[in-house]
Amino acid sequence: MKRGKFYFIFGGARSGKSTFAEKLASSLGGRVTYIATAEALDEEMVARIKEHQKRRPATWKTIEEPYRVAEVLEEVGQEEGVILIDCLTLLLTNLYYKQSSEQESDICSKQVLSEIKRLAKVAKECRSDVLIVSNEVGLGVVPDYPDGRVFRDLTGWANQIMTEEADKAYFLISGMPLDIKALKADPEVL
């Protein structure tokens, strides 16, 4: 059975990561399925979602799923094609805050990272090409509240998991993609 490629695309706010992922998805050929993790909980998010929807070709199939992304990917990733998941950071937010009201932060973080590891494994095993978009939030100011620091750490760990499993990992800076796996230094040589 042919396995698709797993692409991980991440960068800061307004770095061009979603636009790059959309162009890459179109260039890979085949039917594109877009898995949207955002929930329209306020007017700003409603506007952002509409902007993303306007950019997508009408031929793309959209699945809105804020929580069960690995399960949906298992279902739709068995056929050849392209699956674009936008975005991992919103999935983390959804999973963490859904569970954090019921559990201690450390336990919740471990459960969320377990789900992220599962998603990375599923993405790597799909017959479809899989693109996952995420934010890099660890390059800025350290948040001054505990939940913000937990979220920053979770995002950093999740991005490491995805980068490790991905066939290709692109870091977007000012709209320019860097292939970070091609730039990877061998720690044994340093």
C-alpha atoms as a PDB file:
ATOM      1  CA  MET A   1       0.000   0.000   0.000  1.00  0.00           C
ATOM      2  CA  LYS A   2       1.338   3.393  -1.013  1.00  0.00           C
ATOM      3  CA  ARG A   3       1.840   5.832   1.847  1.00  0.00           C
ATOM      4  CA  GLY A   4       1.390   9.555   1.296  1.00  0.00           C
ATOM      5  CA  LYS A   5       3.807  12.200   2.524  1.00  0.00           C
ATOM      6  CA  PHE A   6       3.329  14.054   5.796  1.00  0.00           C
ATOM      7  CA  TYR A   7       4.078  17.792   5.662  1.00  0.00           C
ATOM      8  CA  PHE A   8       4.240  19.956   8.780  1.00  0.00           C
ATOM      9  CA  ILE A   9       3.978  23.721   8.232  1.00  0.00           C
ATOM     10  CA  PHE A  10       4.427  26.162  11.077  1.00  0.00           C
ATOM     11  CA  GLY A  11       5.314  29.766  11.781  1.00  0.00           C
ATOM     12  CA  GLY A  12       4.308  32.881  13.663  1.00  0.00           C
ATOM     13  CA  ALA A  13       1.160  34.929  13.289  1.00  0.00           C
ATOM     14  CA  ARG A  14       0.628  36.194   9.734  1.00  0.00           C
ATOM     15  CA  SER A  15       3.752  34.405   8.508  1.00  0.00           C
ATOM     16  CA  GLY A  16       1.944  32.965   5.471  1.00  0.00           C
ATOM     17  CA  LYS A  17       1.700  29.377   6.716  1.00  0.00           C
ATOM     18  CA  SER A  18      -1.952  28.763   5.744  1.00  0.00           C
ATOM     19  CA  THR A  19      -1.504  30.323   2.299  1.00  0.00           C
ATOM     20  CA  PHE A  20       1.637  28.250   1.723  1.00  0.00           C
ATOM     21  CA  ALA A  21      -0.166  25.080   2.874  1.00  0.00           C
ATOM     22  CA  GLU A  22      -3.112  25.794   0.562  1.00  0.00           C
ATOM     23  CA  LYS A  23      -0.788  26.305  -2.430  1.00  0.00           C
ATOM     24  CA  LEU A  24       1.148  23.154  -1.570  1.00  0.00           C
ATOM     25  CA  ALA A  25      -2.091  21.157  -1.220  1.00  0.00           C
ATOM     26  CA  SER A  26      -3.231  22.335  -4.659  1.00  0.00           C
ATOM     27  CA  SER A  27       0.127  21.479  -6.229  1.00  0.00           C
ATOM     28  CA  LEU A  28       0.171  17.894  -4.927  1.00  0.00           C
ATOM     29  CA  GLY A  29      -2.749  16.879  -7.135  1.00  0.00           C
ATOM     30  CA  GLY A  30      -5.814  14.893  -6.259  1.00  0.00           C
ATOM     31  CA  ARG A  31      -8.899  15.681  -4.248  1.00  0.00           C
ATOM     32  CA  VAL A  32      -8.248  18.015  -1.289  1.00  0.00           C
ATOM     33  CA  THR A  33     -10.059  17.551   2.011  1.00  0.00           C
ATOM     34  CA  TYR A  34      -9.709  20.479   4.412  1.00  0.00           C
ATOM     35  CA  ILE A  35     -10.136  19.687   8.120  1.00  0.00           C
ATOM     36  CA  ALA A  36     -10.899  22.916   9.965  1.00  0.00           C
ATOM     37  CA  THR A  37     -10.338  22.893  13.741  1.00  0.00           C
ATOM     38  CA  ALA A  38     -11.558  26.428  14.494  1.00  0.00           C
ATOM     39  CA  GLU A  39     -14.762  27.143  16.351  1.00  0.00           C
ATOM     40  CA  ALA A  40     -16.561  30.418  15.641  1.00  0.00           C
ATOM     41  CA  LEU A  41     -16.856  31.521  19.268  1.00  0.00           C
ATOM     42  CA  ASP A  42     -16.583  35.275  18.688  1.00  0.00           C
ATOM     43  CA  GLU A  43     -16.848  37.841  15.885  1.00  0.00           C
ATOM     44  CA  GLU A  44     -13.106  37.938  15.244  1.00  0.00           C
ATOM     45  CA  MET A  45     -12.970  34.174  14.733  1.00  0.00           C
ATOM     46  CA  VAL A  46     -16.058  34.287  12.501  1.00  0.00           C
ATOM     47  CA  ALA A  47     -14.217  36.813  10.283  1.00  0.00           C
ATOM     48  CA  ARG A  48     -11.022  34.719  10.214  1.00  0.00           C
ATOM     49  CA  ILE A  49     -12.950  31.589   9.270  1.00  0.00           C
ATOM     50  CA  LYS A  50     -14.733  33.438   6.445  1.00  0.00           C
ATOM     51  CA  GLU A  51     -11.394  34.699   5.110  1.00  0.00           C
ATOM     52  CA  HIS A  52     -10.009  31.158   5.014  1.00  0.00           C
ATOM     53  CA  GLN A  53     -13.196  29.861   3.347  1.00  0.00           C
ATOM     54  CA  LYS A  54     -12.980  32.501   0.589  1.00  0.00           C
ATOM     55  CA  ARG A  55      -9.466  31.358  -0.333  1.00  0.00           C
ATOM     56  CA  ARG A  56     -10.398  27.678  -0.692  1.00  0.00           C
ATOM     57  CA  PRO A  57     -11.412  26.335  -4.087  1.00  0.00           C
ATOM     58  CA  ALA A  58     -15.052  25.231  -4.304  1.00  0.00           C
ATOM     59  CA  THR A  59     -13.882  21.732  -5.260  1.00  0.00           C
ATOM     60  CA  TRP A  60     -12.288  21.164  -1.860  1.00  0.00           C
ATOM     61  CA  LYS A  61     -14.286  19.188   0.673  1.00  0.00           C
ATOM     62  CA  THR A  62     -14.375  20.815   4.132  1.00  0.00           C
ATOM     63  CA  ILE A  63     -14.837  18.943   7.390  1.00  0.00           C
ATOM     64  CA  GLU A  64     -15.240  21.050  10.520  1.00  0.00           C
ATOM     65  CA  GLU A  65     -13.919  19.089  13.502  1.00  0.00           C
ATOM     66  CA  PRO A  66     -12.545  20.847  16.588  1.00  0.00           C
ATOM     67  CA  TYR A  67     -11.736  17.729  18.686  1.00  0.00           C
ATOM     68  CA  ARG A  68     -11.678  14.332  16.919  1.00  0.00           C
ATOM     69  CA  VAL A  69      -9.117  15.181  14.246  1.00  0.00           C
ATOM     70  CA  ALA A  70      -7.090  11.933  14.478  1.00  0.00           C
ATOM     71  CA  GLU A  71     -10.272   9.877  14.143  1.00  0.00           C
ATOM     72  CA  VAL A  72     -11.454  11.870  11.134  1.00  0.00           C
ATOM     73  CA  LEU A  73      -7.998  11.585   9.552  1.00  0.00           C
ATOM     74  CA  GLU A  74      -8.093   7.793  10.017  1.00  0.00           C
ATOM     75  CA  GLU A  75     -11.433   7.717   8.191  1.00  0.00           C
ATOM     76  CA  VAL A  76     -10.644  10.011   5.248  1.00  0.00           C
ATOM     77  CA  GLY A  77      -6.904   9.315   4.923  1.00  0.00           C
ATOM     78  CA  GLN A  78      -7.302   5.791   3.561  1.00  0.00           C
ATOM     79  CA  GLU A  79      -7.886   7.050   0.023  1.00  0.00           C
ATOM     80  CA  GLU A  80      -5.274   8.736  -2.115  1.00  0.00           C
ATOM     81  CA  GLY A  81      -5.576  12.511  -2.182  1.00  0.00           C
ATOM     82  CA  VAL A  82      -4.560  15.441  -0.009  1.00  0.00           C
ATOM     83  CA  ILE A  83      -5.724  16.330   3.483  1.00  0.00           C
ATOM     84  CA  LEU A  84      -5.001  19.765   4.932  1.00  0.00           C
ATOM     85  CA  ILE A  85      -5.507  20.255   8.675  1.00  0.00           C
ATOM     86  CA  ASP A  86      -5.606  23.897   9.784  1.00  0.00           C
ATOM     87  CA  CYS A  87      -4.651  24.221  12.551  1.00  0.00           C
ATOM     88  CA  LEU A  88      -2.896  22.187  15.221  1.00  0.00           C
ATOM     89  CA  THR A  89      -2.750  25.130  17.637  1.00  0.00           C
ATOM     90  CA  LEU A  90      -6.519  25.519  17.642  1.00  0.00           C
ATOM     91  CA  LEU A  91      -6.877  21.768  18.145  1.00  0.00           C
ATOM     92  CA  LEU A  92      -4.554  22.033  21.164  1.00  0.00           C
ATOM     93  CA  THR A  93      -6.638  24.910  22.526  1.00  0.00           C
ATOM     94  CA  ASN A  94      -9.864  22.978  22.050  1.00  0.00           C
ATOM     95  CA  LEU A  95      -8.546  19.789  23.662  1.00  0.00           C
ATOM     96  CA  TYR A  96      -6.763  21.509  26.544  1.00  0.00           C
ATOM     97  CA  TYR A  97      -9.594  23.796  27.612  1.00  0.00           C
ATOM     98  CA  LYS A  98     -12.210  21.070  27.229  1.00  0.00           C
ATOM     99  CA  GLN A  99     -10.260  18.859  29.654  1.00  0.00           C
ATOM    100  CA  SER A 100      -8.693  21.484  31.939  1.00  0.00           C
ATOM    101  CA  SER A 101     -12.015  22.318  33.581  1.00  0.00           C
ATOM    102  CA  GLU A 102     -12.222  18.703  34.712  1.00  0.00           C
ATOM    103  CA  GLN A 103      -8.579  17.849  35.495  1.00  0.00           C
ATOM    104  CA  GLU A 104      -5.300  19.119  36.865  1.00  0.00           C
ATOM    105  CA  SER A 105      -3.056  20.902  34.333  1.00  0.00           C
ATOM    106  CA  ASP A 106      -0.283  18.241  34.280  1.00  0.00           C
ATOM    107  CA  ILE A 107      -2.711  15.383  33.687  1.00  0.00           C
ATOM    108  CA  CYS A 108      -4.549  17.360  31.042  1.00  0.00           C
ATOM    109  CA  SER A 109      -1.285  18.250  29.259  1.00  0.00           C
ATOM    110  CA  LYS A 110      -0.230  14.583  29.150  1.00  0.00           C
ATOM    111  CA  GLN A 111      -3.590  13.561  27.691  1.00  0.00           C
ATOM    112  CA  VAL A 112      -3.453  16.298  25.060  1.00  0.00           C
ATOM    113  CA  LEU A 113       0.107  15.345  24.038  1.00  0.00           C
ATOM    114  CA  SER A 114      -0.943  11.697  23.838  1.00  0.00           C
ATOM    115  CA  GLU A 115      -3.653  12.714  21.349  1.00  0.00           C
ATOM    116  CA  ILE A 116      -1.100  14.782  19.385  1.00  0.00           C
ATOM    117  CA  LYS A 117       1.254  11.780  19.190  1.00  0.00           C
ATOM    118  CA  ARG A 118      -1.657   9.711  17.906  1.00  0.00           C
ATOM    119  CA  LEU A 119      -2.456  12.365  15.275  1.00  0.00           C
ATOM    120  CA  ALA A 120       1.192  12.437  14.114  1.00  0.00           C
ATOM    121  CA  LYS A 121       1.251   8.630  13.830  1.00  0.00           C
ATOM    122  CA  VAL A 122      -1.999   8.590  11.841  1.00  0.00           C
ATOM    123  CA  ALA A 123      -0.727  11.388   9.556  1.00  0.00           C
ATOM    124  CA  LYS A 124       2.445   9.436   8.858  1.00  0.00           C
ATOM    125  CA  GLU A 125       0.542   6.238   8.002  1.00  0.00           C
ATOM    126  CA  CYS A 126      -2.124   7.717   5.688  1.00  0.00           C
ATOM    127  CA  ARG A 127      -2.419   6.838   2.028  1.00  0.00           C
ATOM    128  CA  SER A 128      -3.240  10.518   1.465  1.00  0.00           C
ATOM    129  CA  ASP A 129      -0.687  13.284   1.573  1.00  0.00           C
ATOM    130  CA  VAL A 130      -1.292  15.097   4.878  1.00  0.00           C
ATOM    131  CA  LEU A 131      -0.465  18.729   5.623  1.00  0.00           C
ATOM    132  CA  ILE A 132      -0.770  20.037   9.176  1.00  0.00           C
ATOM    133  CA  VAL A 133      -0.497  23.756   9.947  1.00  0.00           C
ATOM    134  CA  SER A 134       0.536  25.096  13.363  1.00  0.00           C
ATOM    135  CA  ASN A 135       1.665  28.276  15.087  1.00  0.00           C
ATOM    136  CA  GLU A 136       5.082  28.854  16.589  1.00  0.00           C
ATOM    137  CA  VAL A 137       4.303  30.667  19.830  1.00  0.00           C
ATOM    138  CA  GLY A 138       7.558  30.101  21.721  1.00  0.00           C
ATOM    139  CA  LEU A 139       9.641  32.856  20.131  1.00  0.00           C
ATOM    140  CA  GLY A 140       7.913  35.771  21.831  1.00  0.00           C
ATOM    141  CA  VAL A 141       7.310  37.084  25.310  1.00  0.00           C
ATOM    142  CA  VAL A 142       6.793  34.557  28.097  1.00  0.00           C
ATOM    143  CA  PRO A 143       3.097  34.739  29.055  1.00  0.00           C
ATOM    144  CA  ASP A 144       2.535  36.234  32.516  1.00  0.00           C
ATOM    145  CA  TYR A 145      -0.268  33.843  33.497  1.00  0.00           C
ATOM    146  CA  PRO A 146       0.002  30.079  34.201  1.00  0.00           C
ATOM    147  CA  ASP A 147      -2.427  28.848  31.506  1.00  0.00           C
ATOM    148  CA  GLY A 148      -0.567  30.905  28.905  1.00  0.00           C
ATOM    149  CA  ARG A 149       2.743  29.319  29.861  1.00  0.00           C
ATOM    150  CA  VAL A 150       1.215  25.827  29.822  1.00  0.00           C
ATOM    151  CA  PHE A 151      -0.250  26.491  26.368  1.00  0.00           C
ATOM    152  CA  ARG A 152       3.067  27.844  25.050  1.00  0.00           C
ATOM    153  CA  ASP A 153       4.850  24.732  26.327  1.00  0.00           C
ATOM    154  CA  LEU A 154       2.193  22.377  24.928  1.00  0.00           C
ATOM    155  CA  THR A 155       2.464  24.020  21.521  1.00  0.00           C
ATOM    156  CA  GLY A 156       6.252  23.714  21.554  1.00  0.00           C
ATOM    157  CA  TRP A 157       6.107  20.023  22.474  1.00  0.00           C
ATOM    158  CA  ALA A 158       3.364  19.345  19.918  1.00  0.00           C
ATOM    159  CA  ASN A 159       5.378  21.077  17.181  1.00  0.00           C
ATOM    160  CA  GLN A 160       8.420  18.940  18.089  1.00  0.00           C
ATOM    161  CA  ILE A 161       6.321  15.764  17.848  1.00  0.00           C
ATOM    162  CA  MET A 162       4.975  16.780  14.441  1.00  0.00           C
ATOM    163  CA  THR A 163       8.367  17.851  13.086  1.00  0.00           C
ATOM    164  CA  GLU A 164       9.956  14.577  14.166  1.00  0.00           C
ATOM    165  CA  GLU A 165       7.288  12.465  12.418  1.00  0.00           C
ATOM    166  CA  ALA A 166       6.836  14.603   9.292  1.00  0.00           C
ATOM    167  CA  ASP A 167       8.536  13.785   6.014  1.00  0.00           C
ATOM    168  CA  LYS A 168       8.878  17.515   5.365  1.00  0.00           C
ATOM    169  CA  ALA A 169       8.733  20.399   7.848  1.00  0.00           C
ATOM    170  CA  TYR A 170       8.526  24.007   6.701  1.00  0.00           C
ATOM    171  CA  PHE A 171       8.995  27.009   8.992  1.00  0.00           C
ATOM    172  CA  LEU A 172       7.432  30.157   7.505  1.00  0.00           C
ATOM    173  CA  ILE A 173       9.083  33.517   8.088  1.00  0.00           C
ATOM    174  CA  SER A 174       7.598  36.596   6.400  1.00  0.00           C
ATOM    175  CA  GLY A 175       5.929  34.405   3.798  1.00  0.00           C
ATOM    176  CA  MET A 176       9.111  32.488   2.999  1.00  0.00           C
ATOM    177  CA  PRO A 177       9.241  28.737   3.745  1.00  0.00           C
ATOM    178  CA  LEU A 178      12.387  27.203   5.182  1.00  0.00           C
ATOM    179  CA  ASP A 179      12.778  23.433   4.853  1.00  0.00           C
ATOM    180  CA  ILE A 180      14.018  22.820   8.397  1.00  0.00           C
ATOM    181  CA  LYS A 181      14.649  19.096   7.944  1.00  0.00           C
ATOM    182  CA  ALA A 182      17.098  19.959   5.164  1.00  0.00           C
ATOM    183  CA  LEU A 183      18.799  22.407   7.567  1.00  0.00           C
ATOM    184  CA  LYS A 184      18.874  19.944  10.483  1.00  0.00           C
ATOM    185  CA  ALA A 185      22.235  19.763  12.241  1.00  0.00           C
ATOM    186  CA  ASP A 186      23.536  16.391  13.426  1.00  0.00           C
ATOM    187  CA  PRO A 187      24.139  16.723  17.200  1.00  0.00           C
ATOM    188  CA  GLU A 188      26.736  13.943  17.000  1.00  0.00           C
ATOM    189  CA  VAL A 189      28.900  16.200  14.803  1.00  0.00           C
ATOM    190  CA  LEU A 190      28.624  19.341  16.912  1.00  0.00           C
END
